[in-house]
């Protein structure tokens, strides 16, 4: 009988009401600090890599590599057998 009297004092909630969370001040602070940390991380990564991104001048090695790709032989003229379509 003691179990029945203890259960009678509990508030009765539906399943939907029991699953719903509450928006409290702690949720606001977690979202705020998480967003600020993400923004700070992006800003730090940007400032770390900004000198590399700002330079448009190529180094000597990059110019040599680019020039080597354009130093290809001219294409050969097509043969008559290759140019006829079936």
N, C-alpha and C. Protein backbone atom coordinates (compact mmCIF):
# COMPACT_ATOMS: atom_id res chain seq x y z
N UNK A 1 0.81 -1.19 0.00
CA UNK A 1 0.00 0.00 0.00
C UNK A 1 0.86 1.26 0.00
N UNK A 2 2.04 1.17 0.53
CA UNK A 2 2.92 2.33 0.57
C UNK A 2 3.37 2.73 -0.84
N UNK A 3 3.52 1.76 -1.72
CA UNK A 3 3.93 2.05 -3.09
C UNK A 3 2.85 2.84 -3.82
N UNK A 4 1.60 2.50 -3.61
CA UNK A 4 0.52 3.21 -4.27
C UNK A 4 0.42 4.65 -3.79
N UNK A 5 0.65 4.91 -2.53
CA UNK A 5 0.55 6.28 -2.04
C UNK A 5 1.73 7.12 -2.54
N UNK A 6 2.90 6.49 -2.73
CA UNK A 6 4.06 7.22 -3.24
C UNK A 6 3.85 7.58 -4.72
N UNK A 7 3.27 6.70 -5.51
CA UNK A 7 3.03 6.97 -6.92
C UNK A 7 1.92 7.99 -7.11
N UNK A 8 1.02 8.10 -6.20
CA UNK A 8 -0.09 9.03 -6.32
C UNK A 8 0.40 10.47 -6.18
N UNK A 9 1.51 10.69 -5.48
CA UNK A 9 2.01 12.05 -5.30
C UNK A 9 2.84 12.56 -6.48
N UNK A 10 3.24 11.68 -7.38
CA UNK A 10 4.04 12.09 -8.53
C UNK A 10 3.16 12.81 -9.55
N UNK A 11 3.73 13.81 -10.20
CA UNK A 11 2.95 14.45 -11.27
C UNK A 11 2.86 13.52 -12.48
N UNK A 12 1.74 13.50 -13.09
CA UNK A 12 1.52 12.62 -14.24
C UNK A 12 1.81 13.43 -15.50
N UNK A 13 2.78 12.92 -16.31
CA UNK A 13 3.16 13.58 -17.55
C UNK A 13 2.88 12.66 -18.72
N UNK A 14 2.51 13.24 -19.82
CA UNK A 14 2.36 12.44 -21.03
C UNK A 14 3.76 12.16 -21.59
N UNK A 15 3.84 11.22 -22.52
CA UNK A 15 5.13 10.84 -23.09
C UNK A 15 5.75 12.01 -23.87
N UNK A 16 4.92 12.77 -24.57
CA UNK A 16 5.44 13.90 -25.34
C UNK A 16 6.00 14.97 -24.41
N UNK A 17 5.30 15.27 -23.35
CA UNK A 17 5.75 16.29 -22.39
C UNK A 17 7.03 15.85 -21.68
N UNK A 18 7.16 14.57 -21.41
CA UNK A 18 8.34 14.07 -20.72
C UNK A 18 9.57 14.11 -21.62
N UNK A 19 9.40 13.98 -22.93
CA UNK A 19 10.53 13.99 -23.86
C UNK A 19 11.01 15.39 -24.19
N UNK A 20 10.22 16.39 -23.98
CA UNK A 20 10.60 17.74 -24.36
C UNK A 20 11.57 18.32 -23.34
N UNK A 21 12.63 18.91 -23.87
CA UNK A 21 13.60 19.57 -23.01
C UNK A 21 13.23 21.03 -22.83
N UNK A 22 13.84 21.63 -21.86
CA UNK A 22 13.57 23.04 -21.59
C UNK A 22 14.74 23.88 -22.06
N UNK A 23 14.41 25.06 -22.57
CA UNK A 23 15.44 26.02 -22.90
C UNK A 23 15.74 26.81 -21.63
N UNK A 24 16.92 26.64 -21.15
CA UNK A 24 17.32 27.37 -19.96
C UNK A 24 18.49 28.28 -20.26
N UNK A 25 18.95 28.93 -19.23
CA UNK A 25 20.07 29.83 -19.40
C UNK A 25 21.36 29.06 -19.71
N UNK A 26 21.48 27.84 -19.20
CA UNK A 26 22.68 27.05 -19.47
C UNK A 26 22.80 26.69 -20.94
N UNK A 27 21.70 26.44 -21.63
CA UNK A 27 21.72 26.12 -23.05
C UNK A 27 22.18 27.34 -23.84
N UNK A 28 21.70 28.51 -23.45
CA UNK A 28 22.11 29.75 -24.11
C UNK A 28 23.62 29.96 -24.01
N UNK A 29 24.19 29.75 -22.83
CA UNK A 29 25.63 29.97 -22.64
C UNK A 29 26.46 28.94 -23.40
N UNK A 30 26.01 27.71 -23.45
CA UNK A 30 26.74 26.70 -24.21
C UNK A 30 26.73 27.05 -25.69
N UNK A 31 25.59 27.44 -26.22
CA UNK A 31 25.52 27.84 -27.62
C UNK A 31 26.35 29.08 -27.90
N UNK A 32 26.33 30.04 -27.01
CA UNK A 32 27.09 31.27 -27.19
C UNK A 32 28.59 31.00 -27.18
N UNK A 33 29.07 30.27 -26.18
CA UNK A 33 30.51 29.99 -26.11
C UNK A 33 30.97 29.06 -27.22
N UNK A 34 30.14 28.12 -27.63
CA UNK A 34 30.50 27.25 -28.74
C UNK A 34 30.63 28.02 -30.04
N UNK A 35 29.71 28.95 -30.28
CA UNK A 35 29.78 29.78 -31.48
C UNK A 35 30.99 30.70 -31.44
N UNK A 36 31.27 31.28 -30.27
CA UNK A 36 32.44 32.15 -30.14
C UNK A 36 33.74 31.38 -30.33
N UNK A 37 33.82 30.18 -29.80
CA UNK A 37 35.03 29.37 -29.99
C UNK A 37 35.22 28.97 -31.44
N UNK A 38 34.14 28.65 -32.13
CA UNK A 38 34.23 28.31 -33.55
C UNK A 38 34.69 29.52 -34.35
N UNK A 39 34.15 30.68 -34.07
CA UNK A 39 34.55 31.90 -34.77
C UNK A 39 36.01 32.24 -34.47
N UNK A 40 36.42 32.07 -33.22
CA UNK A 40 37.82 32.32 -32.84
C UNK A 40 38.76 31.36 -33.55
N UNK A 41 38.37 30.10 -33.68
CA UNK A 41 39.18 29.12 -34.38
C UNK A 41 39.31 29.44 -35.86
N UNK A 42 38.21 29.84 -36.49
CA UNK A 42 38.26 30.23 -37.90
C UNK A 42 39.13 31.47 -38.11
N UNK A 43 39.01 32.44 -37.22
CA UNK A 43 39.82 33.65 -37.31
C UNK A 43 41.29 33.34 -37.12
N UNK A 44 41.62 32.45 -36.18
CA UNK A 44 43.01 32.06 -35.95
C UNK A 44 43.58 31.34 -37.16
N UNK A 45 42.82 30.45 -37.77
CA UNK A 45 43.29 29.74 -38.96
C UNK A 45 43.46 30.70 -40.12
N UNK A 46 42.58 31.67 -40.24
CA UNK A 46 42.68 32.64 -41.31
C UNK A 46 43.92 33.51 -41.14
N UNK A 47 44.18 34.00 -39.92
CA UNK A 47 45.35 34.83 -39.69
C UNK A 47 46.65 34.03 -39.84
N UNK A 48 46.60 32.75 -39.56
CA UNK A 48 47.79 31.91 -39.69
C UNK A 48 48.15 31.71 -41.15
N UNK A 49 47.15 31.53 -42.00
CA UNK A 49 47.37 31.26 -43.41
C UNK A 49 47.23 32.50 -44.30
N UNK A 50 46.91 33.65 -43.76
CA UNK A 50 46.70 34.85 -44.57
C UNK A 50 47.93 35.26 -45.38
N UNK A 51 49.14 35.21 -44.84
CA UNK A 51 50.30 35.58 -45.68
C UNK A 51 50.47 34.67 -46.89
N UNK A 52 50.15 33.40 -46.77
CA UNK A 52 50.26 32.48 -47.90
C UNK A 52 49.20 32.77 -48.96
N UNK A 53 48.03 33.18 -48.53
CA UNK A 53 46.94 33.43 -49.46
C UNK A 53 47.06 34.79 -50.14
N UNK A 54 47.71 35.75 -49.48
CA UNK A 54 47.79 37.11 -50.02
C UNK A 54 48.82 37.22 -51.14
N UNK A 55 49.84 36.39 -51.12
CA UNK A 55 50.89 36.51 -52.13
C UNK A 55 50.46 35.95 -53.47
N UNK A 56 50.56 36.78 -54.52
CA UNK A 56 50.22 36.29 -55.84
C UNK A 56 51.48 36.01 -56.65
N UNK A 57 52.64 36.34 -56.11
CA UNK A 57 53.89 36.08 -56.80
C UNK A 57 54.27 34.62 -56.65
N UNK A 58 54.75 34.05 -57.74
CA UNK A 58 55.17 32.66 -57.71
C UNK A 58 56.65 32.59 -57.38
N UNK A 59 57.03 31.53 -56.74
CA UNK A 59 58.44 31.31 -56.49
C UNK A 59 59.10 30.78 -57.75
N UNK A 60 60.41 30.74 -57.75
CA UNK A 60 61.14 30.27 -58.93
C UNK A 60 60.80 28.81 -59.23
N UNK A 61 60.67 28.01 -58.21
CA UNK A 61 60.34 26.60 -58.41
C UNK A 61 58.94 26.44 -59.00
N UNK A 62 58.00 27.27 -58.56
CA UNK A 62 56.64 27.19 -59.09
C UNK A 62 56.61 27.64 -60.55
N UNK A 63 57.39 28.68 -60.89
CA UNK A 63 57.43 29.13 -62.27
C UNK A 63 58.05 28.07 -63.18
N UNK A 64 59.08 27.40 -62.68
CA UNK A 64 59.72 26.35 -63.49
C UNK A 64 58.78 25.17 -63.69
N UNK A 65 58.01 24.81 -62.67
CA UNK A 65 57.06 23.71 -62.80
C UNK A 65 55.94 24.06 -63.77
N UNK A 66 55.48 25.31 -63.72
CA UNK A 66 54.43 25.75 -64.64
C UNK A 66 54.95 25.78 -66.07
N UNK A 67 56.17 26.26 -66.25
CA UNK A 67 56.75 26.34 -67.59
C UNK A 67 56.99 24.94 -68.16
N UNK A 68 57.33 23.98 -67.32
CA UNK A 68 57.58 22.62 -67.79
C UNK A 68 56.31 21.98 -68.33
N UNK A 69 55.16 22.33 -67.81
CA UNK A 69 53.92 21.75 -68.30
C UNK A 69 53.57 22.26 -69.69
N UNK A 70 54.03 23.46 -70.03
CA UNK A 70 53.75 24.01 -71.36
C UNK A 70 54.81 23.61 -72.39
N UNK A 71 55.87 22.94 -71.97
CA UNK A 71 56.94 22.55 -72.87
C UNK A 71 56.67 21.15 -73.41
N UNK A 72 55.59 21.00 -74.11
CA UNK A 72 55.24 19.71 -74.70
C UNK A 72 55.42 19.78 -76.21
N UNK A 73 55.68 18.67 -76.83
CA UNK A 73 55.86 18.70 -78.29
C UNK A 73 54.54 18.97 -79.00
N UNK A 74 54.65 19.46 -80.21
CA UNK A 74 53.45 19.74 -81.02
C UNK A 74 52.80 18.43 -81.41
N UNK A 75 51.49 18.39 -81.53
CA UNK A 75 50.81 17.15 -81.92
C UNK A 75 51.16 16.78 -83.37
N UNK A 76 51.19 15.51 -83.63
CA UNK A 76 51.45 15.06 -84.98
C UNK A 76 50.21 15.20 -85.82
N UNK A 77 50.40 15.28 -87.13
CA UNK A 77 49.25 15.41 -88.02
C UNK A 77 48.51 14.07 -88.07
N UNK A 78 47.20 14.08 -88.16
CA UNK A 78 46.45 12.82 -88.19
C UNK A 78 46.68 12.06 -89.49
N UNK A 79 46.67 10.78 -89.38
CA UNK A 79 46.80 9.94 -90.57
C UNK A 79 45.45 9.81 -91.25
N UNK A 80 45.42 9.53 -92.54
CA UNK A 80 44.12 9.41 -93.25
C UNK A 80 43.25 8.29 -92.69
N UNK A 81 43.82 7.20 -92.22
CA UNK A 81 43.01 6.10 -91.70
C UNK A 81 42.34 6.49 -90.38
N UNK A 82 43.00 7.32 -89.62
CA UNK A 82 42.44 7.71 -88.32
C UNK A 82 41.35 8.75 -88.48
N UNK A 83 41.34 9.49 -89.60
CA UNK A 83 40.36 10.56 -89.74
C UNK A 83 39.06 10.08 -90.36
N UNK A 84 39.01 8.89 -90.96
CA UNK A 84 37.76 8.41 -91.57
C UNK A 84 36.87 7.82 -90.50
N UNK A 85 35.65 8.21 -90.53
CA UNK A 85 34.68 7.72 -89.55
C UNK A 85 33.92 6.53 -90.13
N UNK A 86 33.58 5.53 -89.38
CA UNK A 86 32.84 4.36 -89.88
C UNK A 86 31.41 4.67 -90.21
